[in-house]
């Protein structure tokens, strides 16, 4: 068994082009001995946005706190606490914080 607490995991700023106000913590993944997926915890500041990008793996996202907008494959959907989102592989996507407080979410991806 592996137990990690968010507050104990180092937070890193996403410096990728197009990202603004996004921080990530890798909660579980290969470095912890997890064989099949990576669980990441993102914090997006008010007005912040992830880069517009695509890649050959899927995302499963769960909104923990805040309000935002998910852009995926030409569609936009408002999300808030309690929403679960599936983003298929190879689709352009982006997450934007549209609220007044931080947007916090879990994002799970398979190991490539």
C-alpha atoms as a PDB file:
ATOM      1  CA  UNK A   1       0.000   0.000   0.000  1.00  0.00           C
ATOM      2  CA  UNK A   2       1.102   3.542  -0.749  1.00  0.00           C
ATOM      3  CA  UNK A   3      -0.377   6.552   1.038  1.00  0.00           C
ATOM      4  CA  UNK A   4       0.615  10.088   0.031  1.00  0.00           C
ATOM      5  CA  UNK A   5      -0.877  13.318   1.273  1.00  0.00           C
ATOM      6  CA  UNK A   6      -1.210  16.283  -1.090  1.00  0.00           C
ATOM      7  CA  UNK A   7       0.484  18.672   1.354  1.00  0.00           C
ATOM      8  CA  UNK A   8       3.532  16.394   1.521  1.00  0.00           C
ATOM      9  CA  UNK A   9       4.138  16.344  -2.251  1.00  0.00           C
ATOM     10  CA  UNK A  10       6.335  18.972  -3.925  1.00  0.00           C
ATOM     11  CA  UNK A  11       4.360  21.350  -6.147  1.00  0.00           C
ATOM     12  CA  UNK A  12       5.834  22.434  -9.489  1.00  0.00           C
ATOM     13  CA  UNK A  13       4.824  25.317 -11.747  1.00  0.00           C
ATOM     14  CA  UNK A  14       3.854  24.305 -15.283  1.00  0.00           C
ATOM     15  CA  UNK A  15       6.192  26.329 -17.504  1.00  0.00           C
ATOM     16  CA  UNK A  16       4.943  24.960 -20.818  1.00  0.00           C
ATOM     17  CA  UNK A  17       4.110  27.578 -23.459  1.00  0.00           C
ATOM     18  CA  UNK A  18       0.465  28.631 -23.158  1.00  0.00           C
ATOM     19  CA  UNK A  19       0.179  27.711 -19.468  1.00  0.00           C
ATOM     20  CA  UNK A  20      -0.644  30.419 -16.956  1.00  0.00           C
ATOM     21  CA  UNK A  21      -1.070  30.002 -13.202  1.00  0.00           C
ATOM     22  CA  UNK A  22      -0.967  26.174 -13.206  1.00  0.00           C
ATOM     23  CA  UNK A  23       0.782  24.042 -10.579  1.00  0.00           C
ATOM     24  CA  UNK A  24       1.061  20.246 -10.457  1.00  0.00           C
ATOM     25  CA  UNK A  25       1.843  17.599  -7.866  1.00  0.00           C
ATOM     26  CA  UNK A  26       2.418  13.979  -8.882  1.00  0.00           C
ATOM     27  CA  UNK A  27       0.678  12.015  -6.137  1.00  0.00           C
ATOM     28  CA  UNK A  28       1.176   8.487  -7.487  1.00  0.00           C
ATOM     29  CA  UNK A  29       3.168   7.153 -10.394  1.00  0.00           C
ATOM     30  CA  UNK A  30       6.176   5.085 -11.392  1.00  0.00           C
ATOM     31  CA  UNK A  31       8.465   6.708  -8.808  1.00  0.00           C
ATOM     32  CA  UNK A  32       6.133   5.406  -6.091  1.00  0.00           C
ATOM     33  CA  UNK A  33       5.962   1.949  -7.695  1.00  0.00           C
ATOM     34  CA  UNK A  34       2.563   2.388  -9.375  1.00  0.00           C
ATOM     35  CA  UNK A  35       2.635   0.204 -12.507  1.00  0.00           C
ATOM     36  CA  UNK A  36      -0.229   1.392 -14.723  1.00  0.00           C
ATOM     37  CA  UNK A  37      -1.145   5.050 -14.242  1.00  0.00           C
ATOM     38  CA  UNK A  38      -0.167   8.451 -12.871  1.00  0.00           C
ATOM     39  CA  UNK A  39      -2.397  10.428 -10.480  1.00  0.00           C
ATOM     40  CA  UNK A  40      -1.739  14.160 -10.593  1.00  0.00           C
ATOM     41  CA  UNK A  41      -3.177  17.025  -8.539  1.00  0.00           C
ATOM     42  CA  UNK A  42      -3.468  20.360 -10.337  1.00  0.00           C
ATOM     43  CA  UNK A  43      -4.167  23.825  -8.955  1.00  0.00           C
ATOM     44  CA  UNK A  44      -5.172  26.486 -11.479  1.00  0.00           C
ATOM     45  CA  UNK A  45      -5.183  30.083 -10.205  1.00  0.00           C
ATOM     46  CA  UNK A  46      -8.121  32.414 -10.998  1.00  0.00           C
ATOM     47  CA  UNK A  47      -7.736  33.385 -14.663  1.00  0.00           C
ATOM     48  CA  UNK A  48      -5.224  30.559 -15.149  1.00  0.00           C
ATOM     49  CA  UNK A  49      -5.214  28.128 -18.049  1.00  0.00           C
ATOM     50  CA  UNK A  50      -3.483  24.926 -19.083  1.00  0.00           C
ATOM     51  CA  UNK A  51      -1.798  24.893 -22.493  1.00  0.00           C
ATOM     52  CA  UNK A  52      -3.924  23.957 -25.507  1.00  0.00           C
ATOM     53  CA  UNK A  53      -2.496  20.574 -26.456  1.00  0.00           C
ATOM     54  CA  UNK A  54      -3.128  16.983 -27.494  1.00  0.00           C
ATOM     55  CA  UNK A  55      -1.308  13.680 -27.012  1.00  0.00           C
ATOM     56  CA  UNK A  56      -1.895   9.966 -27.603  1.00  0.00           C
ATOM     57  CA  UNK A  57      -3.211   9.154 -24.112  1.00  0.00           C
ATOM     58  CA  UNK A  58      -6.525   9.773 -22.383  1.00  0.00           C
ATOM     59  CA  UNK A  59      -7.292  11.809 -19.253  1.00  0.00           C
ATOM     60  CA  UNK A  60      -9.765  11.150 -16.492  1.00  0.00           C
ATOM     61  CA  UNK A  61     -10.327  14.332 -14.487  1.00  0.00           C
ATOM     62  CA  UNK A  62     -12.249  14.968 -11.269  1.00  0.00           C
ATOM     63  CA  UNK A  63     -12.941  18.541 -10.155  1.00  0.00           C
ATOM     64  CA  UNK A  64     -12.308  18.823  -6.407  1.00  0.00           C
ATOM     65  CA  UNK A  65     -12.927  22.536  -5.926  1.00  0.00           C
ATOM     66  CA  UNK A  66     -13.684  25.676  -7.909  1.00  0.00           C
ATOM     67  CA  UNK A  67     -15.218  26.474 -11.279  1.00  0.00           C
ATOM     68  CA  UNK A  68     -13.802  26.221 -14.742  1.00  0.00           C
ATOM     69  CA  UNK A  69     -14.256  25.464 -18.392  1.00  0.00           C
ATOM     70  CA  UNK A  70     -12.984  22.446 -20.284  1.00  0.00           C
ATOM     71  CA  UNK A  71     -12.295  22.810 -23.994  1.00  0.00           C
ATOM     72  CA  UNK A  72     -12.143  19.471 -25.800  1.00  0.00           C
ATOM     73  CA  UNK A  73     -12.367  18.781 -29.513  1.00  0.00           C
ATOM     74  CA  UNK A  74     -14.061  22.073 -30.373  1.00  0.00           C
ATOM     75  CA  UNK A  75     -16.588  21.934 -27.500  1.00  0.00           C
ATOM     76  CA  UNK A  76     -16.616  23.935 -24.273  1.00  0.00           C
ATOM     77  CA  UNK A  77     -18.214  22.710 -21.050  1.00  0.00           C
ATOM     78  CA  UNK A  78     -18.517  24.496 -17.716  1.00  0.00           C
ATOM     79  CA  UNK A  79     -17.372  22.354 -14.770  1.00  0.00           C
ATOM     80  CA  UNK A  80     -17.384  22.721 -11.019  1.00  0.00           C
ATOM     81  CA  UNK A  81     -16.779  20.712  -7.869  1.00  0.00           C
ATOM     82  CA  UNK A  82     -17.988  17.132  -8.272  1.00  0.00           C
ATOM     83  CA  UNK A  83     -17.700  16.953 -12.074  1.00  0.00           C
ATOM     84  CA  UNK A  84     -15.903  14.049 -13.746  1.00  0.00           C
ATOM     85  CA  UNK A  85     -14.459  14.568 -17.238  1.00  0.00           C
ATOM     86  CA  UNK A  86     -13.117  12.120 -19.814  1.00  0.00           C
ATOM     87  CA  UNK A  87     -10.773  13.493 -22.488  1.00  0.00           C
ATOM     88  CA  UNK A  88     -10.040  10.991 -25.278  1.00  0.00           C
ATOM     89  CA  UNK A  89      -6.575  10.573 -26.782  1.00  0.00           C
ATOM     90  CA  UNK A  90      -5.386  12.765 -29.670  1.00  0.00           C
ATOM     91  CA  UNK A  91      -7.977  15.519 -29.069  1.00  0.00           C
ATOM     92  CA  UNK A  92      -7.030  19.181 -28.541  1.00  0.00           C
ATOM     93  CA  UNK A  93      -7.950  20.138 -24.978  1.00  0.00           C
ATOM     94  CA  UNK A  94      -7.470  22.842 -22.353  1.00  0.00           C
ATOM     95  CA  UNK A  95      -8.744  23.720 -18.875  1.00  0.00           C
ATOM     96  CA  UNK A  96      -9.429  27.294 -17.785  1.00  0.00           C
ATOM     97  CA  UNK A  97     -10.272  28.607 -14.315  1.00  0.00           C
ATOM     98  CA  UNK A  98     -13.340  30.844 -14.693  1.00  0.00           C
ATOM     99  CA  UNK A  99     -13.958  31.283 -10.962  1.00  0.00           C
ATOM    100  CA  UNK A 100     -12.747  33.635  -8.247  1.00  0.00           C
ATOM    101  CA  UNK A 101     -10.892  30.978  -6.260  1.00  0.00           C
ATOM    102  CA  UNK A 102      -8.424  28.269  -7.242  1.00  0.00           C
ATOM    103  CA  UNK A 103      -9.581  25.377  -9.417  1.00  0.00           C
ATOM    104  CA  UNK A 104      -8.311  22.107  -7.979  1.00  0.00           C
ATOM    105  CA  UNK A 105      -8.551  18.818  -9.820  1.00  0.00           C
ATOM    106  CA  UNK A 106      -7.253  15.274  -9.970  1.00  0.00           C
ATOM    107  CA  UNK A 107      -6.036  14.103 -13.362  1.00  0.00           C
ATOM    108  CA  UNK A 108      -5.276  10.451 -14.049  1.00  0.00           C
ATOM    109  CA  UNK A 109      -3.376   9.266 -17.115  1.00  0.00           C
ATOM    110  CA  UNK A 110      -2.159   5.812 -18.157  1.00  0.00           C
ATOM    111  CA  UNK A 111       1.565   5.153 -18.242  1.00  0.00           C
ATOM    112  CA  UNK A 112       2.837   5.439 -21.786  1.00  0.00           C
END
